[in-house]
Amino acid sequence: MGWIIKLKDAKDWSSVHKEWMAKNASLNIYLRDAMIIKNGQRVTLDEIKIGDRLYLVRDSNMAKVIIIK
């Protein structure tokens, strides 16, 4: 499956509650086909650093878009 990132303190958007809801466990997300954006530019996996805040669009455990803040 390629690169995997383990996310701690993750939250998912809840359409029902209209707020970010904390996940009870860490998430393992596969990055193989993800488009990664940092400072408005497409970058490589090397640009993701420990402690970065990531916003993901994902389908189950497959990342589609990652925005690094």
N, C-alpha and C. Protein backbone atom coordinates (compact mmCIF):
# COMPACT_ATOMS: atom_id res chain seq x y z
N MET A 1 0.82 -1.20 0.00
CA MET A 1 0.00 0.00 0.00
C MET A 1 0.86 1.26 0.00
N GLY A 2 2.15 1.18 0.22
CA GLY A 2 3.00 2.36 0.19
C GLY A 2 3.11 3.04 1.54
N TRP A 3 3.30 4.35 1.50
CA TRP A 3 3.48 5.14 2.72
C TRP A 3 2.22 5.15 3.57
N ILE A 4 2.45 5.09 4.90
CA ILE A 4 1.35 5.16 5.87
C ILE A 4 1.71 6.23 6.89
N ILE A 5 0.71 7.00 7.30
CA ILE A 5 0.91 7.98 8.35
C ILE A 5 -0.04 7.64 9.49
N LYS A 6 0.46 7.72 10.72
CA LYS A 6 -0.37 7.43 11.89
C LYS A 6 -0.76 8.77 12.51
N LEU A 7 -2.05 9.05 12.55
CA LEU A 7 -2.56 10.31 13.09
C LEU A 7 -3.05 10.13 14.51
N LYS A 8 -2.59 11.01 15.38
CA LYS A 8 -3.06 11.03 16.77
C LYS A 8 -3.88 12.29 16.96
N ASP A 9 -4.76 12.28 17.93
CA ASP A 9 -5.63 13.44 18.21
C ASP A 9 -6.42 13.84 16.98
N ALA A 10 -6.87 12.86 16.21
CA ALA A 10 -7.63 13.13 14.98
C ALA A 10 -9.08 13.49 15.31
N LYS A 11 -9.67 14.26 14.39
CA LYS A 11 -11.08 14.63 14.50
C LYS A 11 -11.71 14.49 13.13
N ASP A 12 -12.98 14.08 13.11
CA ASP A 12 -13.76 14.00 11.88
C ASP A 12 -14.89 15.01 11.96
N TRP A 13 -15.25 15.61 10.81
CA TRP A 13 -16.37 16.54 10.77
C TRP A 13 -17.67 15.74 10.84
N SER A 14 -18.58 16.18 11.70
CA SER A 14 -19.89 15.54 11.84
C SER A 14 -20.95 16.43 11.22
N SER A 15 -21.60 15.94 10.18
CA SER A 15 -22.70 16.68 9.55
C SER A 15 -23.90 16.77 10.49
N VAL A 16 -24.06 15.78 11.32
CA VAL A 16 -25.18 15.75 12.26
C VAL A 16 -25.00 16.80 13.35
N HIS A 17 -23.82 16.82 13.96
CA HIS A 17 -23.55 17.72 15.08
C HIS A 17 -23.02 19.08 14.64
N LYS A 18 -22.64 19.20 13.36
CA LYS A 18 -22.08 20.45 12.81
C LYS A 18 -20.84 20.91 13.57
N GLU A 19 -19.98 19.95 13.92
CA GLU A 19 -18.73 20.27 14.60
C GLU A 19 -17.73 19.14 14.40
N TRP A 20 -16.46 19.42 14.74
CA TRP A 20 -15.42 18.41 14.69
C TRP A 20 -15.55 17.50 15.90
N MET A 21 -15.56 16.20 15.67
CA MET A 21 -15.71 15.20 16.73
C MET A 21 -14.40 14.42 16.87
N ALA A 22 -13.89 14.33 18.10
CA ALA A 22 -12.64 13.62 18.36
C ALA A 22 -12.78 12.13 18.07
N LYS A 23 -11.74 11.56 17.48
CA LYS A 23 -11.69 10.12 17.26
C LYS A 23 -11.19 9.46 18.54
N ASN A 24 -11.69 8.29 18.87
CA ASN A 24 -11.29 7.58 20.08
C ASN A 24 -9.95 6.88 19.95
N ALA A 25 -9.51 6.68 18.72
CA ALA A 25 -8.25 5.95 18.49
C ALA A 25 -7.45 6.67 17.41
N SER A 26 -6.18 6.34 17.33
CA SER A 26 -5.36 6.91 16.27
C SER A 26 -5.79 6.28 14.93
N LEU A 27 -5.45 6.97 13.85
CA LEU A 27 -5.81 6.51 12.51
C LEU A 27 -4.56 6.19 11.71
N ASN A 28 -4.59 5.09 10.99
CA ASN A 28 -3.54 4.78 10.02
C ASN A 28 -4.09 5.13 8.65
N ILE A 29 -3.44 6.09 7.97
CA ILE A 29 -3.92 6.57 6.68
C ILE A 29 -2.86 6.26 5.62
N TYR A 30 -3.31 5.70 4.50
CA TYR A 30 -2.42 5.37 3.39
C TYR A 30 -2.30 6.59 2.48
N LEU A 31 -1.08 6.91 2.06
CA LEU A 31 -0.79 8.13 1.32
C LEU A 31 -0.48 7.93 -0.15
N ARG A 32 -0.55 6.72 -0.64
CA ARG A 32 -0.06 6.35 -1.97
C ARG A 32 -0.51 7.33 -3.07
N ASP A 33 -1.77 7.66 -3.16
CA ASP A 33 -2.28 8.48 -4.27
C ASP A 33 -2.67 9.89 -3.83
N ALA A 34 -2.27 10.30 -2.65
CA ALA A 34 -2.71 11.59 -2.13
C ALA A 34 -2.01 12.77 -2.80
N MET A 35 -2.77 13.84 -3.01
CA MET A 35 -2.20 15.11 -3.45
C MET A 35 -1.92 15.91 -2.18
N ILE A 36 -0.67 16.36 -2.00
CA ILE A 36 -0.25 17.04 -0.78
C ILE A 36 0.01 18.51 -1.10
N ILE A 37 -0.63 19.40 -0.34
CA ILE A 37 -0.53 20.85 -0.57
C ILE A 37 0.05 21.51 0.67
N LYS A 38 1.06 22.35 0.48
CA LYS A 38 1.64 23.15 1.57
C LYS A 38 1.96 24.53 1.02
N ASN A 39 1.50 25.56 1.71
CA ASN A 39 1.72 26.94 1.26
C ASN A 39 1.24 27.17 -0.17
N GLY A 40 0.12 26.54 -0.51
CA GLY A 40 -0.47 26.72 -1.83
C GLY A 40 0.24 26.00 -2.97
N GLN A 41 1.23 25.18 -2.65
CA GLN A 41 2.01 24.45 -3.66
C GLN A 41 1.87 22.95 -3.44
N ARG A 42 1.86 22.21 -4.54
CA ARG A 42 1.89 20.75 -4.43
C ARG A 42 3.30 20.33 -4.03
N VAL A 43 3.41 19.47 -2.99
CA VAL A 43 4.71 19.05 -2.48
C VAL A 43 4.76 17.53 -2.37
N THR A 44 5.92 17.02 -1.96
CA THR A 44 6.11 15.58 -1.80
C THR A 44 5.89 15.18 -0.34
N LEU A 45 5.92 13.90 -0.09
CA LEU A 45 5.74 13.37 1.27
C LEU A 45 6.79 13.89 2.25
N ASP A 46 7.97 14.24 1.75
CA ASP A 46 9.05 14.73 2.61
C ASP A 46 8.68 16.02 3.34
N GLU A 47 7.69 16.74 2.85
CA GLU A 47 7.28 18.01 3.45
C GLU A 47 6.40 17.82 4.69
N ILE A 48 5.92 16.60 4.94
CA ILE A 48 5.12 16.34 6.14
C ILE A 48 6.07 16.09 7.30
N LYS A 49 5.95 16.88 8.34
CA LYS A 49 6.83 16.79 9.50
C LYS A 49 6.02 16.44 10.75
N ILE A 50 6.66 15.80 11.70
CA ILE A 50 6.02 15.50 12.98
C ILE A 50 5.55 16.80 13.60
N GLY A 51 4.31 16.82 14.05
CA GLY A 51 3.74 18.01 14.67
C GLY A 51 2.95 18.88 13.71
N ASP A 52 3.04 18.62 12.38
CA ASP A 52 2.25 19.39 11.42
C ASP A 52 0.77 19.14 11.66
N ARG A 53 -0.02 20.15 11.39
CA ARG A 53 -1.48 20.00 11.44
C ARG A 53 -1.92 19.67 10.02
N LEU A 54 -2.61 18.54 9.87
CA LEU A 54 -3.04 18.07 8.56
C LEU A 54 -4.55 18.10 8.45
N TYR A 55 -5.03 18.55 7.30
CA TYR A 55 -6.44 18.48 6.97
C TYR A 55 -6.54 17.52 5.80
N LEU A 56 -7.36 16.48 5.95
CA LEU A 56 -7.43 15.41 4.96
C LEU A 56 -8.81 15.27 4.35
N VAL A 57 -8.83 14.98 3.08
CA VAL A 57 -10.02 14.43 2.44
C VAL A 57 -9.65 12.98 2.21
N ARG A 58 -10.46 12.08 2.75
CA ARG A 58 -10.09 10.67 2.66
C ARG A 58 -11.31 9.83 2.34
N ASP A 59 -11.04 8.66 1.81
CA ASP A 59 -12.05 7.64 1.56
C ASP A 59 -11.62 6.45 2.40
N SER A 60 -12.28 6.27 3.52
CA SER A 60 -11.90 5.26 4.49
C SER A 60 -10.48 5.56 4.96
N ASN A 61 -9.53 4.66 4.72
CA ASN A 61 -8.15 4.88 5.17
C ASN A 61 -7.22 5.35 4.05
N MET A 62 -7.78 5.74 2.92
CA MET A 62 -6.98 6.22 1.79
C MET A 62 -7.10 7.74 1.69
N ALA A 63 -5.97 8.44 1.87
CA ALA A 63 -5.97 9.90 1.74
C ALA A 63 -6.10 10.27 0.27
N LYS A 64 -6.90 11.27 -0.01
CA LYS A 64 -7.06 11.79 -1.37
C LYS A 64 -6.36 13.14 -1.52
N VAL A 65 -6.59 14.03 -0.54
CA VAL A 65 -5.97 15.35 -0.51
C VAL A 65 -5.50 15.61 0.92
N ILE A 66 -4.28 16.13 1.04
CA ILE A 66 -3.74 16.51 2.35
C ILE A 66 -3.29 17.96 2.26
N ILE A 67 -3.81 18.78 3.16
CA ILE A 67 -3.37 20.17 3.27
C ILE A 67 -2.59 20.30 4.56
N ILE A 68 -1.36 20.77 4.46
CA ILE A 68 -0.48 20.93 5.62
C ILE A 68 -0.56 22.38 6.07
N LYS A 69 -0.83 22.56 7.37
CA LYS A 69 -0.86 23.91 7.97
C LYS A 69 0.26 24.04 8.94
